[in-house]
Every structure is written in C-alpha cells, then in structure tokens.
C-alpha cells in the first residue's frame, strides 16, 4: 500500500500541473471503488478553479473553494498526469480533466476512493480524528512521551495508529525503529524522554529519505510521472529476513505482530522491558 512518502511524492508531482487551473471535465469509468464516486462530482466541480493541492496522512486533497475532493490511492493505486486524449488502460477508473491534461487514477484492486467534502476537508469523518503529521512540529519527543505514558501496547503498534500519528505504515515503522535502536515489541510506556526523542528523529529521517528516493516500489507504486521509487534499495531491515544487518552483521529476524510482518535486528534493537 502506498504510504506517506509515496502519497507526498504524488502530491508534489501533480501540484505544479494543476494548481490554479480550472477543472473542465470529470470522467468516471468505474464508480465502484472502496467508496462510490459521487454521481454529482462533475456538476459540483466543472468550471471551478483548483486552489490548492495538499496531503493529509495518506489522503490527497484538492481544494476547489466550496469544498474538496479527497482521494486515496488504496492498496495499489496511482495518480498520474497524462495527456487528456490518451486512451485509458485497464483499471484507469477516474480522470480529473484540466484542459489538455488529466489526473488519472489507476486502481487495479479498487480499494481507493474519490469522495467530496463540502467546506473544510479536515471535517470529513476520514480525517477529523487523525493524529499529527510526523514531519510537522506537532510531532516531537515530548509529545510522543506524553501520549505513551501507561501504554503497554508495542511501540510499533503506536507508530502505526493513525489516531496518534499519521502515515507511518508498516515499512517505515520497521525502518524507523531500527534507526532508533528500539525493539518493535518494546512496551510504549517503557520509552523514556531520550528514546522518544530519538525515535521521533528516526521517523523524520526515514520518511525524508524515502521521499528523496522517490518512495518504495515493492509491487505497483509509481509516481505522478510513471516512474518507480527506489527507497527499497536502502532498507535496513524490512523484507530482509535472514540477511545480515547492515550495521552489525547479525541476521535480520521476522516476526508477526498485530497481523503484520515485523523485521528487526536482535542485536541492534535489544528489548529492554
């Protein structure tokens, strides 16, 4: 599934092409996504100027003034800038057309969504209860220390809880914990202020490095220009079970926690509690 870096890359890729332009058409070839594409979308938006393109968590937001289109890439989707006359390929379900170009949503599994929110986008139920952005000033060591007091849940689960911090999915949680030297099953409440600050810094560094590398392409992800990312070439632990740790040479281990595969180095990430 595209995680925060992949969505941020998509956001940065499409923004200069469409921000400030008027929407001229909405083409819906298949409205049956995870949530149905609204029938009235074209009536609401055609002729409106796109004021802003931004990201919240793993959602792309297109602000048209009276409201916003909220778009999610699902498990295998991509949003690309294409010539508006380019014939659609299989799984090209929705086009937002801006004159001679279009934003084209390709979603083979149809787990993505294109929905409308009148007024403020962050009032939508999907966004209203989300935690802080991990690259914002609101996410810092003091905050992480405060929200984890008394928690017995493994720290990896907390990092992946979008009500506590958004956008840190399975890949980047594993990589961040390795960089911070924290065992993924460490009880959250056992982390003191210094380790919380170190983990926040590791999350920031990991996400920033992934964005700089164009994201991770494990199966389907491509950016708005159709190019894959290559951050997977820099993984320290994720999907490297049995391979030597890049720091100490100890074989990377894999466990299943919360029904998700978790990778770590048993030497560099010793559990303390």
Protein backbone atom coordinates (compact mmCIF):
# COMPACT_ATOMS: atom_id res chain seq x y z
CA UNK A 1 0.00 0.00 0.00
CA UNK A 2 1.33 3.48 -0.81
CA UNK A 3 2.40 5.06 2.47
CA UNK A 4 3.06 8.69 3.41
CA UNK A 5 6.22 9.15 1.29
CA UNK A 6 4.54 7.76 -1.83
CA UNK A 7 1.48 9.97 -1.33
CA UNK A 8 3.67 13.02 -0.66
CA UNK A 9 5.64 12.32 -3.85
CA UNK A 10 2.41 12.07 -5.81
CA UNK A 11 1.18 15.33 -4.27
CA UNK A 12 4.37 17.18 -5.17
CA UNK A 13 4.30 15.69 -8.66
CA UNK A 14 0.77 16.70 -9.62
CA UNK A 15 0.63 20.09 -7.85
CA UNK A 16 2.53 22.25 -10.39
CA UNK A 17 0.50 20.85 -13.29
CA UNK A 18 -3.00 21.58 -11.98
CA UNK A 19 -2.93 24.07 -9.11
CA UNK A 20 -4.63 27.27 -10.20
CA UNK A 21 -6.28 25.70 -13.25
CA UNK A 22 -9.99 25.24 -13.93
CA UNK A 23 -11.48 21.76 -13.98
CA UNK A 24 -13.05 21.14 -17.39
CA UNK A 25 -14.40 17.60 -17.03
CA UNK A 26 -14.76 14.63 -14.70
CA UNK A 27 -14.61 11.23 -16.38
CA UNK A 28 -15.74 8.27 -14.29
CA UNK A 29 -15.33 4.91 -16.00
CA UNK A 30 -15.94 2.84 -12.89
CA UNK A 31 -17.52 4.43 -9.83
CA UNK A 32 -17.32 1.25 -7.74
CA UNK A 33 -14.27 1.98 -5.63
CA UNK A 34 -13.97 1.40 -1.87
CA UNK A 35 -16.48 4.23 -1.54
CA UNK A 36 -18.60 5.03 -4.63
CA UNK A 37 -17.50 8.05 -6.66
CA UNK A 38 -20.28 10.67 -6.18
CA UNK A 39 -22.63 10.98 -9.16
CA UNK A 40 -22.76 14.76 -8.75
CA UNK A 41 -18.99 15.33 -8.84
CA UNK A 42 -18.95 16.83 -12.34
CA UNK A 43 -21.93 19.11 -11.58
CA UNK A 44 -20.17 20.37 -8.47
CA UNK A 45 -16.72 20.96 -9.95
CA UNK A 46 -16.66 21.64 -13.69
CA UNK A 47 -15.63 25.26 -14.19
CA UNK A 48 -14.17 25.62 -10.69
CA UNK A 49 -10.56 26.62 -10.11
CA UNK A 50 -8.35 24.23 -8.15
CA UNK A 51 -6.99 26.43 -5.38
CA UNK A 52 -4.69 24.04 -3.57
CA UNK A 53 -3.30 20.51 -3.72
CA UNK A 54 -2.12 19.11 -0.41
CA UNK A 55 -1.76 15.93 1.61
CA UNK A 56 -3.18 14.86 4.95
CA UNK A 57 -1.94 11.50 6.19
CA UNK A 58 -2.31 9.17 3.17
CA UNK A 59 -5.03 11.27 1.53
CA UNK A 60 -4.62 13.67 -1.40
CA UNK A 61 -6.77 16.78 -1.07
CA UNK A 62 -7.89 19.01 -3.94
CA UNK A 63 -9.37 22.27 -2.65
CA UNK A 64 -11.90 23.87 -5.00
CA UNK A 65 -13.05 26.58 -2.60
CA UNK A 66 -16.56 25.37 -1.84
CA UNK A 67 -15.13 22.01 -0.84
CA UNK A 68 -12.50 19.42 -1.59
CA UNK A 69 -12.05 16.19 -3.47
CA UNK A 70 -10.48 13.64 -1.12
CA UNK A 71 -8.56 10.94 -2.96
CA UNK A 72 -6.96 7.80 -1.58
CA UNK A 73 -4.75 5.52 -3.65
CA UNK A 74 -5.89 2.33 -1.93
CA UNK A 75 -3.56 -0.66 -1.92
CA UNK A 76 -2.20 -0.47 -5.45
CA UNK A 77 -3.38 2.79 -6.98
CA UNK A 78 -1.51 5.60 -8.66
CA UNK A 79 -2.43 9.11 -9.77
CA UNK A 80 -0.60 10.26 -12.88
CA UNK A 81 -0.50 13.38 -15.02
CA UNK A 82 -1.39 12.37 -18.59
CA UNK A 83 -2.48 13.91 -21.87
CA UNK A 84 -6.25 14.25 -21.64
CA UNK A 85 -6.60 12.49 -25.01
CA UNK A 86 -4.51 9.46 -24.00
CA UNK A 87 -6.71 6.34 -24.31
CA UNK A 88 -7.37 4.77 -20.92
CA UNK A 89 -5.76 1.49 -19.93
CA UNK A 90 -7.48 -1.21 -17.91
CA UNK A 91 -8.11 -0.07 -14.33
CA UNK A 92 -7.99 3.66 -15.26
CA UNK A 93 -11.19 4.49 -13.39
CA UNK A 94 -11.34 8.27 -12.89
CA UNK A 95 -9.97 11.33 -14.71
CA UNK A 96 -10.00 14.89 -13.36
CA UNK A 97 -9.50 16.87 -16.56
CA UNK A 98 -7.87 20.29 -16.71
CA UNK A 99 -7.98 21.27 -20.38
CA UNK A 100 -5.23 19.43 -22.24
CA UNK A 101 -4.14 17.25 -19.31
CA UNK A 102 -5.77 14.98 -16.79
CA UNK A 103 -5.09 13.48 -13.39
CA UNK A 104 -5.78 9.80 -13.98
CA UNK A 105 -6.48 7.38 -11.14
CA UNK A 106 -5.41 3.83 -11.87
CA UNK A 107 -6.53 1.35 -9.24
CA UNK A 108 -6.39 -2.37 -10.13
CA UNK A 109 -7.86 -3.55 -6.82
CA UNK A 110 -10.41 -0.72 -6.48
CA UNK A 111 -9.58 -0.10 -2.82
CA UNK A 112 -9.00 3.61 -3.46
CA UNK A 113 -11.58 6.36 -3.23
CA UNK A 114 -12.61 9.68 -4.70
CA UNK A 115 -15.09 11.48 -2.43
CA UNK A 116 -16.40 15.01 -1.98
CA UNK A 117 -16.35 17.06 1.21
CA UNK A 118 -18.19 20.38 1.28
CA UNK A 119 -16.45 23.05 3.33
CA UNK A 120 -13.26 22.22 5.23
CA UNK A 121 -11.66 18.96 4.08
CA UNK A 122 -10.42 18.03 7.53
CA UNK A 123 -14.01 17.97 8.82
CA UNK A 124 -14.63 14.76 6.85
CA UNK A 125 -15.00 11.70 9.13
CA UNK A 126 -11.98 10.10 7.46
CA UNK A 127 -9.75 13.00 8.52
CA UNK A 128 -11.37 14.54 11.59
CA UNK A 129 -9.75 12.30 14.23
CA UNK A 130 -6.30 11.87 12.72
CA UNK A 131 -3.15 12.44 14.74
CA UNK A 132 -0.36 14.91 13.92
CA UNK A 133 1.76 14.76 10.80
CA UNK A 134 5.12 13.08 11.51
CA UNK A 135 7.06 15.77 9.63
CA UNK A 136 5.31 18.63 11.45
CA UNK A 137 6.40 20.49 14.57
CA UNK A 138 3.47 18.95 16.46
CA UNK A 139 5.21 15.56 16.39
CA UNK A 140 8.17 15.73 18.74
CA UNK A 141 9.77 13.73 21.50
CA UNK A 142 7.80 15.43 24.28
CA UNK A 143 4.52 14.68 22.52
CA UNK A 144 5.40 11.01 21.94
CA UNK A 145 6.50 10.62 25.55
CA UNK A 146 3.27 12.19 26.80
CA UNK A 147 0.86 10.08 24.70
CA UNK A 148 2.62 6.79 25.51
CA UNK A 149 2.51 7.05 29.29
CA UNK A 150 0.85 3.99 30.77
CA UNK A 151 0.58 2.18 27.43
CA UNK A 152 1.54 -1.49 27.27
CA UNK A 153 0.97 -1.72 23.52
CA UNK A 154 4.13 -2.38 21.47
CA UNK A 155 5.70 0.83 20.22
CA UNK A 156 5.40 -0.31 16.60
CA UNK A 157 1.62 -0.52 17.00
CA UNK A 158 1.55 3.03 18.36
CA UNK A 159 3.57 4.35 15.44
CA UNK A 160 1.07 2.76 13.07
CA UNK A 161 -2.01 4.10 14.90
CA UNK A 162 -3.28 6.99 12.76
CA UNK A 163 -5.09 8.49 15.76
CA UNK A 164 -1.69 9.04 17.41
CA UNK A 165 0.48 9.89 14.40
CA UNK A 166 -0.44 9.61 10.73
CA UNK A 167 1.20 8.00 7.77
CA UNK A 168 3.81 5.75 9.42
CA UNK A 169 2.87 2.43 7.85
CA UNK A 170 4.44 -0.98 8.24
CA UNK A 171 7.56 -0.43 6.13
CA UNK A 172 8.55 2.90 7.63
CA UNK A 173 7.72 1.90 11.19
CA UNK A 174 10.13 -1.04 10.96
CA UNK A 175 12.83 1.10 9.38
CA UNK A 176 12.40 3.93 11.90
CA UNK A 177 12.59 1.61 14.88
CA UNK A 178 15.82 0.15 13.55
CA UNK A 179 17.35 3.59 13.09
CA UNK A 180 16.37 4.47 16.66
CA UNK A 181 17.66 1.18 18.10
CA UNK A 182 14.24 0.35 19.59
CA UNK A 183 12.77 -3.16 19.62
CA UNK A 184 9.38 -3.18 17.83
CA UNK A 185 7.70 -5.04 20.72
CA UNK A 186 9.01 -2.70 23.42
CA UNK A 187 6.04 -1.54 25.54
CA UNK A 188 5.33 2.05 24.55
CA UNK A 189 5.18 3.27 28.11
CA UNK A 190 8.69 1.95 28.79
CA UNK A 191 10.30 4.50 26.48
CA UNK A 192 11.78 7.45 28.34
CA UNK A 193 12.16 11.00 27.02
CA UNK A 194 15.51 10.37 25.35
CA UNK A 195 14.39 7.30 23.44
CA UNK A 196 11.14 9.03 22.45
CA UNK A 197 13.15 11.95 21.05
CA UNK A 198 15.49 9.55 19.24
CA UNK A 199 12.56 7.65 17.74
CA UNK A 200 10.86 10.84 16.54
CA UNK A 201 14.11 11.89 14.86
CA UNK A 202 14.38 8.45 13.25
CA UNK A 203 10.82 8.64 11.90
CA UNK A 204 11.55 12.04 10.40
CA UNK A 205 14.85 10.89 8.88
CA UNK A 206 13.33 7.71 7.45
CA UNK A 207 10.36 9.44 5.84
CA UNK A 208 12.53 12.25 4.47
CA UNK A 209 14.97 9.75 2.96
CA UNK A 210 12.10 7.80 1.40
CA UNK A 211 10.64 10.95 -0.16
CA UNK A 212 14.06 11.90 -1.54
CA UNK A 213 14.39 8.41 -3.06
CA UNK A 214 11.00 8.56 -4.77
CA UNK A 215 9.29 6.24 -2.30
CA UNK A 216 9.25 2.46 -2.22
CA UNK A 217 8.22 0.34 -5.19
CA UNK A 218 7.52 -3.19 -3.99
CA UNK A 219 4.74 -4.02 -6.46
CA UNK A 220 2.62 -1.33 -8.03
CA UNK A 221 3.63 2.15 -6.91
CA UNK A 222 4.73 4.74 -9.45
CA UNK A 223 4.86 8.49 -9.07
CA UNK A 224 2.81 11.01 -11.00
CA UNK A 225 5.28 10.72 -13.89
CA UNK A 226 5.01 6.93 -14.00
CA UNK A 227 8.46 6.32 -12.52
CA UNK A 228 9.01 3.83 -9.68
CA UNK A 229 10.66 4.72 -6.40
CA UNK A 230 13.83 3.06 -5.18
CA UNK A 231 13.92 3.52 -1.38
CA UNK A 232 13.57 -0.27 -1.01
CA UNK A 233 17.23 -0.48 -2.03
CA UNK A 234 18.10 1.35 1.21
CA UNK A 235 16.09 -0.80 3.65
CA UNK A 236 17.96 -1.75 6.80
CA UNK A 237 15.56 -4.49 7.93
CA UNK A 238 12.23 -4.54 6.07
CA UNK A 239 11.82 -7.70 3.93
CA UNK A 240 15.44 -8.71 4.74
CA UNK A 241 14.75 -11.76 6.93
CA UNK A 242 17.90 -13.86 7.31
CA UNK A 243 20.12 -11.30 5.62
CA UNK A 244 22.96 -9.72 7.63
CA UNK A 245 22.23 -6.49 9.46
CA UNK A 246 23.88 -3.63 7.62
CA UNK A 247 25.36 -2.39 10.92
CA UNK A 248 26.43 -5.49 12.87
CA UNK A 249 26.03 -8.48 10.55
CA UNK A 250 23.51 -10.31 12.75
CA UNK A 251 20.77 -11.99 10.68
CA UNK A 252 17.62 -9.89 10.48
CA UNK A 253 14.62 -11.56 12.11
CA UNK A 254 10.96 -11.55 11.13
CA UNK A 255 8.01 -11.88 13.49
CA UNK A 256 4.29 -11.30 13.09
CA UNK A 257 2.76 -8.71 15.39
CA UNK A 258 -0.69 -7.26 15.02
CA UNK A 259 -1.12 -9.47 11.93
CA UNK A 260 1.72 -7.59 10.23
CA UNK A 261 5.21 -8.77 9.36
CA UNK A 262 7.79 -7.02 11.51
CA UNK A 263 11.53 -7.03 10.82
CA UNK A 264 14.32 -6.13 13.26
CA UNK A 265 17.91 -6.81 14.24
CA UNK A 266 18.01 -8.68 17.57
CA UNK A 267 21.40 -7.18 18.41
CA UNK A 268 20.91 -3.55 17.39
CA UNK A 269 17.37 -3.48 18.75
CA UNK A 270 17.57 -5.26 22.08
CA UNK A 271 14.39 -5.22 24.09
CA UNK A 272 14.75 -3.53 27.46
CA UNK A 273 11.33 -4.14 29.01
